[in-house]
């Protein structure tokens, strides 16, 4: 039940931690892609002892997509498109491997395919985040809503080391296509 709301506000990641459900006088917030949502209505899920308490009081966007809740509780989504790109580059179909075709044309076709796969993979990451945002904006019947944004210093992401895909995400990657 919404008791109060003074309009949108900003919290730093450190300030957001205070809204993890351990203080029953405060609402429970979680963040997704820099947007903060009030999930107090789901206290039994997001509060202490709840199955999703690890999301409370933080921006864990990466783990929403990877499912790696022990290692990916971070807003850093760099490299997540690799989840949707075949683990090994797909070989060109036999028709495109025609050795009578010049090598530079075959290489150009392979480059075009790789760029297309990356575009599609980036869209899947974006769509995945948006799907979760719909849930937390209350568009799927949950009594959650957007309350503000996470305030971060300029360049915060560049100062973080790039992450590898967790084991679960690596295993879930699509398999390479077989030659036709």
C-alpha atoms as a PDB file:
ATOM      1  CA  UNK A   1       0.000   0.000   0.000  1.00  0.00           C
ATOM      2  CA  UNK A   2       1.374   3.386  -0.989  1.00  0.00           C
ATOM      3  CA  UNK A   3       1.497   5.632   2.041  1.00  0.00           C
ATOM      4  CA  UNK A   4       3.391   8.623   0.706  1.00  0.00           C
ATOM      5  CA  UNK A   5       5.194   9.814  -2.334  1.00  0.00           C
ATOM      6  CA  UNK A   6       6.726  13.230  -2.831  1.00  0.00           C
ATOM      7  CA  UNK A   7       7.557  12.803  -6.486  1.00  0.00           C
ATOM      8  CA  UNK A   8      10.679  11.602  -8.242  1.00  0.00           C
ATOM      9  CA  UNK A   9      14.032  11.870  -6.514  1.00  0.00           C
ATOM     10  CA  UNK A  10      17.597  10.680  -6.870  1.00  0.00           C
ATOM     11  CA  UNK A  11      19.630   8.448  -4.618  1.00  0.00           C
ATOM     12  CA  UNK A  12      23.225   7.358  -4.904  1.00  0.00           C
ATOM     13  CA  UNK A  13      23.964   3.631  -4.896  1.00  0.00           C
ATOM     14  CA  UNK A  14      25.124   3.961  -1.271  1.00  0.00           C
ATOM     15  CA  UNK A  15      21.918   5.766  -0.257  1.00  0.00           C
ATOM     16  CA  UNK A  16      19.811   3.152  -2.059  1.00  0.00           C
ATOM     17  CA  UNK A  17      21.250   0.452   0.232  1.00  0.00           C
ATOM     18  CA  UNK A  18      19.245   1.935   3.130  1.00  0.00           C
ATOM     19  CA  UNK A  19      16.032   0.822   1.380  1.00  0.00           C
ATOM     20  CA  UNK A  20      16.747  -2.909   1.409  1.00  0.00           C
ATOM     21  CA  UNK A  21      13.835  -3.808   3.688  1.00  0.00           C
ATOM     22  CA  UNK A  22      15.822  -4.255   6.892  1.00  0.00           C
ATOM     23  CA  UNK A  23      14.241  -1.107   8.347  1.00  0.00           C
ATOM     24  CA  UNK A  24      10.473  -1.760   8.415  1.00  0.00           C
ATOM     25  CA  UNK A  25       9.760   1.980   8.646  1.00  0.00           C
ATOM     26  CA  UNK A  26      11.212   2.540   5.153  1.00  0.00           C
ATOM     27  CA  UNK A  27       9.903   1.434   1.782  1.00  0.00           C
ATOM     28  CA  UNK A  28      11.778  -1.260  -0.142  1.00  0.00           C
ATOM     29  CA  UNK A  29      13.417  -0.045  -3.328  1.00  0.00           C
ATOM     30  CA  UNK A  30      15.329  -1.755  -6.059  1.00  0.00           C
ATOM     31  CA  UNK A  31      16.812  -0.239  -9.169  1.00  0.00           C
ATOM     32  CA  UNK A  32      16.920  -1.428 -12.731  1.00  0.00           C
ATOM     33  CA  UNK A  33      19.077   0.326 -15.309  1.00  0.00           C
ATOM     34  CA  UNK A  34      19.315   3.426 -13.129  1.00  0.00           C
ATOM     35  CA  UNK A  35      15.582   3.703 -12.386  1.00  0.00           C
ATOM     36  CA  UNK A  36      14.405   3.192  -8.801  1.00  0.00           C
ATOM     37  CA  UNK A  37      11.179   1.314  -8.114  1.00  0.00           C
ATOM     38  CA  UNK A  38       9.171   0.902  -4.933  1.00  0.00           C
ATOM     39  CA  UNK A  39       8.573  -2.835  -4.418  1.00  0.00           C
ATOM     40  CA  UNK A  40       7.304  -2.579  -0.841  1.00  0.00           C
ATOM     41  CA  UNK A  41       4.080  -4.355  -1.859  1.00  0.00           C
ATOM     42  CA  UNK A  42       6.267  -7.400  -2.470  1.00  0.00           C
ATOM     43  CA  UNK A  43       7.896  -7.261   0.970  1.00  0.00           C
ATOM     44  CA  UNK A  44       7.571 -11.045   1.349  1.00  0.00           C
ATOM     45  CA  UNK A  45       9.736 -11.416  -1.800  1.00  0.00           C
ATOM     46  CA  UNK A  46      12.119  -8.456  -1.430  1.00  0.00           C
ATOM     47  CA  UNK A  47      12.321  -8.067   2.349  1.00  0.00           C
ATOM     48  CA  UNK A  48      14.688  -9.941   4.672  1.00  0.00           C
ATOM     49  CA  UNK A  49      14.232 -13.680   4.248  1.00  0.00           C
ATOM     50  CA  UNK A  50      12.483 -13.200   0.912  1.00  0.00           C
ATOM     51  CA  UNK A  51      13.621 -15.151  -2.115  1.00  0.00           C
ATOM     52  CA  UNK A  52      14.548 -11.925  -3.962  1.00  0.00           C
ATOM     53  CA  UNK A  53      15.984  -9.946  -1.054  1.00  0.00           C
ATOM     54  CA  UNK A  54      19.359  -9.782  -2.837  1.00  0.00           C
ATOM     55  CA  UNK A  55      17.793  -7.273  -5.298  1.00  0.00           C
ATOM     56  CA  UNK A  56      16.560  -4.921  -2.568  1.00  0.00           C
ATOM     57  CA  UNK A  57      18.483  -1.693  -2.068  1.00  0.00           C
ATOM     58  CA  UNK A  58      20.591  -2.000  -5.216  1.00  0.00           C
ATOM     59  CA  UNK A  59      20.718  -1.783  -8.980  1.00  0.00           C
ATOM     60  CA  UNK A  60      21.320  -5.351 -10.105  1.00  0.00           C
ATOM     61  CA  UNK A  61      20.346  -4.991 -13.761  1.00  0.00           C
ATOM     62  CA  UNK A  62      22.950  -7.460 -14.979  1.00  0.00           C
ATOM     63  CA  UNK A  63      21.641 -10.302 -12.809  1.00  0.00           C
ATOM     64  CA  UNK A  64      18.071  -9.811 -14.039  1.00  0.00           C
ATOM     65  CA  UNK A  65      19.309 -10.874 -17.471  1.00  0.00           C
ATOM     66  CA  UNK A  66      21.992 -13.427 -16.607  1.00  0.00           C
ATOM     67  CA  UNK A  67      20.243 -15.109 -13.693  1.00  0.00           C
ATOM     68  CA  UNK A  68      23.561 -15.098 -11.822  1.00  0.00           C
ATOM     69  CA  UNK A  69      22.351 -13.720  -8.517  1.00  0.00           C
ATOM     70  CA  UNK A  70      25.530 -14.460  -6.594  1.00  0.00           C
ATOM     71  CA  UNK A  71      27.992 -12.732  -8.955  1.00  0.00           C
ATOM     72  CA  UNK A  72      26.109 -10.228 -11.130  1.00  0.00           C
ATOM     73  CA  UNK A  73      24.395  -7.867  -8.676  1.00  0.00           C
ATOM     74  CA  UNK A  74      25.620  -4.818 -10.587  1.00  0.00           C
ATOM     75  CA  UNK A  75      24.200  -2.195 -12.953  1.00  0.00           C
ATOM     76  CA  UNK A  76      26.998  -2.922 -15.454  1.00  0.00           C
ATOM     77  CA  UNK A  77      25.463  -4.491 -18.570  1.00  0.00           C
ATOM     78  CA  UNK A  78      28.522  -4.143 -20.796  1.00  0.00           C
ATOM     79  CA  UNK A  79      29.132  -7.313 -22.771  1.00  0.00           C
ATOM     80  CA  UNK A  80      25.722  -8.848 -22.062  1.00  0.00           C
ATOM     81  CA  UNK A  81      24.960  -8.983 -25.773  1.00  0.00           C
ATOM     82  CA  UNK A  82      27.408 -11.901 -25.863  1.00  0.00           C
ATOM     83  CA  UNK A  83      24.706 -13.969 -24.118  1.00  0.00           C
ATOM     84  CA  UNK A  84      22.748 -13.921 -27.359  1.00  0.00           C
ATOM     85  CA  UNK A  85      25.579 -14.407 -29.841  1.00  0.00           C
ATOM     86  CA  UNK A  86      26.541 -17.989 -30.704  1.00  0.00           C
ATOM     87  CA  UNK A  87      29.381 -19.236 -28.525  1.00  0.00           C
ATOM     88  CA  UNK A  88      31.463 -19.950 -31.618  1.00  0.00           C
ATOM     89  CA  UNK A  89      31.145 -17.913 -34.754  1.00  0.00           C
ATOM     90  CA  UNK A  90      28.731 -19.635 -37.039  1.00  0.00           C
ATOM     91  CA  UNK A  91      30.350 -20.997 -40.180  1.00  0.00           C
ATOM     92  CA  UNK A  92      29.080 -19.638 -43.441  1.00  0.00           C
ATOM     93  CA  UNK A  93      26.586 -21.823 -45.300  1.00  0.00           C
ATOM     94  CA  UNK A  94      28.197 -24.071 -47.909  1.00  0.00           C
ATOM     95  CA  UNK A  95      26.757 -21.897 -50.664  1.00  0.00           C
ATOM     96  CA  UNK A  96      28.750 -18.954 -49.307  1.00  0.00           C
ATOM     97  CA  UNK A  97      31.916 -21.017 -48.962  1.00  0.00           C
ATOM     98  CA  UNK A  98      32.216 -21.376 -52.720  1.00  0.00           C
ATOM     99  CA  UNK A  99      35.955 -21.199 -53.230  1.00  0.00           C
ATOM    100  CA  UNK A 100      35.440 -19.705 -56.674  1.00  0.00           C
ATOM    101  CA  UNK A 101      34.335 -16.525 -54.900  1.00  0.00           C
ATOM    102  CA  UNK A 102      37.099 -14.121 -53.929  1.00  0.00           C
ATOM    103  CA  UNK A 103      38.310 -14.363 -50.330  1.00  0.00           C
ATOM    104  CA  UNK A 104      37.570 -10.689 -49.622  1.00  0.00           C
ATOM    105  CA  UNK A 105      33.898 -11.204 -50.543  1.00  0.00           C
ATOM    106  CA  UNK A 106      33.606 -14.214 -48.220  1.00  0.00           C
ATOM    107  CA  UNK A 107      35.233 -12.214 -45.405  1.00  0.00           C
ATOM    108  CA  UNK A 108      32.893  -9.276 -46.039  1.00  0.00           C
ATOM    109  CA  UNK A 109      29.856 -11.560 -45.836  1.00  0.00           C
ATOM    110  CA  UNK A 110      31.107 -13.038 -42.553  1.00  0.00           C
ATOM    111  CA  UNK A 111      31.610  -9.532 -41.158  1.00  0.00           C
ATOM    112  CA  UNK A 112      28.074  -8.533 -42.172  1.00  0.00           C
ATOM    113  CA  UNK A 113      26.644 -11.631 -40.458  1.00  0.00           C
ATOM    114  CA  UNK A 114      28.575 -10.895 -37.255  1.00  0.00           C
ATOM    115  CA  UNK A 115      27.368  -7.272 -37.233  1.00  0.00           C
ATOM    116  CA  UNK A 116      23.775  -8.457 -37.742  1.00  0.00           C
ATOM    117  CA  UNK A 117      24.095 -10.946 -34.872  1.00  0.00           C
ATOM    118  CA  UNK A 118      25.440  -8.210 -32.576  1.00  0.00           C
ATOM    119  CA  UNK A 119      22.604  -5.821 -33.504  1.00  0.00           C
ATOM    120  CA  UNK A 120      20.049  -8.533 -32.756  1.00  0.00           C
ATOM    121  CA  UNK A 121      21.805  -9.422 -29.491  1.00  0.00           C
ATOM    122  CA  UNK A 122      21.854  -5.782 -28.316  1.00  0.00           C
ATOM    123  CA  UNK A 123      18.124  -5.576 -29.037  1.00  0.00           C
ATOM    124  CA  UNK A 124      17.524  -8.686 -26.922  1.00  0.00           C
ATOM    125  CA  UNK A 125      19.391  -7.083 -23.996  1.00  0.00           C
ATOM    126  CA  UNK A 126      17.373  -3.879 -24.385  1.00  0.00           C
ATOM    127  CA  UNK A 127      14.103  -5.824 -24.657  1.00  0.00           C
ATOM    128  CA  UNK A 128      14.995  -7.915 -21.592  1.00  0.00           C
ATOM    129  CA  UNK A 129      15.619  -4.826 -19.488  1.00  0.00           C
ATOM    130  CA  UNK A 130      12.420  -3.225 -20.756  1.00  0.00           C
ATOM    131  CA  UNK A 131      10.440  -6.361 -19.885  1.00  0.00           C
ATOM    132  CA  UNK A 132      11.599  -6.143 -16.291  1.00  0.00           C
ATOM    133  CA  UNK A 133      10.971  -2.379 -16.238  1.00  0.00           C
ATOM    134  CA  UNK A 134       7.334  -3.026 -17.221  1.00  0.00           C
ATOM    135  CA  UNK A 135       7.006  -5.326 -14.203  1.00  0.00           C
ATOM    136  CA  UNK A 136       8.470  -2.760 -11.811  1.00  0.00           C
ATOM    137  CA  UNK A 137       6.446   0.121 -13.273  1.00  0.00           C
ATOM    138  CA  UNK A 138       3.350  -1.887 -12.329  1.00  0.00           C
ATOM    139  CA  UNK A 139       2.276  -2.604 -15.909  1.00  0.00           C
ATOM    140  CA  UNK A 140       1.860  -6.338 -15.266  1.00  0.00           C
ATOM    141  CA  UNK A 141      -0.507  -6.042 -12.322  1.00  0.00           C
ATOM    142  CA  UNK A 142       2.116  -5.788  -9.572  1.00  0.00           C
ATOM    143  CA  UNK A 143       1.634  -2.926  -7.139  1.00  0.00           C
ATOM    144  CA  UNK A 144       5.083  -1.487  -7.809  1.00  0.00           C
ATOM    145  CA  UNK A 145       5.949   1.901  -9.256  1.00  0.00           C
ATOM    146  CA  UNK A 146       8.809   4.121 -10.380  1.00  0.00           C
ATOM    147  CA  UNK A 147      10.031   6.625  -7.787  1.00  0.00           C
ATOM    148  CA  UNK A 148      13.255   8.107  -9.131  1.00  0.00           C
ATOM    149  CA  UNK A 149      16.720   7.531 -10.467  1.00  0.00           C
ATOM    150  CA  UNK A 150      20.113   6.436  -9.245  1.00  0.00           C
ATOM    151  CA  UNK A 151      22.532   9.356  -9.164  1.00  0.00           C
ATOM    152  CA  UNK A 152      26.023   8.417 -10.307  1.00  0.00           C
ATOM    153  CA  UNK A 153      29.185  10.363 -11.004  1.00  0.00           C
ATOM    154  CA  UNK A 154      30.056  10.988 -14.610  1.00  0.00           C
ATOM    155  CA  UNK A 155      32.332   8.233 -15.897  1.00  0.00           C
ATOM    156  CA  UNK A 156      31.351   5.769 -13.134  1.00  0.00           C
ATOM    157  CA  UNK A 157      30.997   2.883 -15.567  1.00  0.00           C
ATOM    158  CA  UNK A 158      34.329   3.428 -17.277  1.00  0.00           C
ATOM    159  CA  UNK A 159      36.059   3.196 -13.892  1.00  0.00           C
ATOM    160  CA  UNK A 160      34.680  -0.303 -13.313  1.00  0.00           C
ATOM    161  CA  UNK A 161      36.534  -3.309 -14.713  1.00  0.00           C
ATOM    162  CA  UNK A 162      34.651  -5.043 -17.527  1.00  0.00           C
ATOM    163  CA  UNK A 163      32.972  -8.236 -16.434  1.00  0.00           C
ATOM    164  CA  UNK A 164      33.029 -11.646 -18.031  1.00  0.00           C
ATOM    165  CA  UNK A 165      29.781 -13.501 -18.584  1.00  0.00           C
ATOM    166  CA  UNK A 166      29.019 -15.663 -15.578  1.00  0.00           C
ATOM    167  CA  UNK A 167      29.050 -19.429 -15.980  1.00  0.00           C
ATOM    168  CA  UNK A 168      25.249 -19.715 -16.188  1.00  0.00           C
ATOM    169  CA  UNK A 169      25.075 -17.079 -18.934  1.00  0.00           C
ATOM    170  CA  UNK A 170      27.962 -18.705 -20.823  1.00  0.00           C
ATOM    171  CA  UNK A 171      26.175 -22.057 -20.781  1.00  0.00           C
ATOM    172  CA  UNK A 172      22.934 -20.470 -22.008  1.00  0.00           C
ATOM    173  CA  UNK A 173      24.518 -18.950 -25.107  1.00  0.00           C
ATOM    174  CA  UNK A 174      23.115 -20.205 -28.389  1.00  0.00           C
ATOM    175  CA  UNK A 175      25.071 -22.912 -30.152  1.00  0.00           C
ATOM    176  CA  UNK A 176      26.741 -22.235 -33.468  1.00  0.00           C
ATOM    177  CA  UNK A 177      24.908 -23.032 -36.649  1.00  0.00           C
ATOM    178  CA  UNK A 178      26.000 -26.048 -38.600  1.00  0.00           C
ATOM    179  CA  UNK A 179      27.064 -25.608 -42.203  1.00  0.00           C
ATOM    180  CA  UNK A 180      24.256 -26.173 -44.639  1.00  0.00           C
END
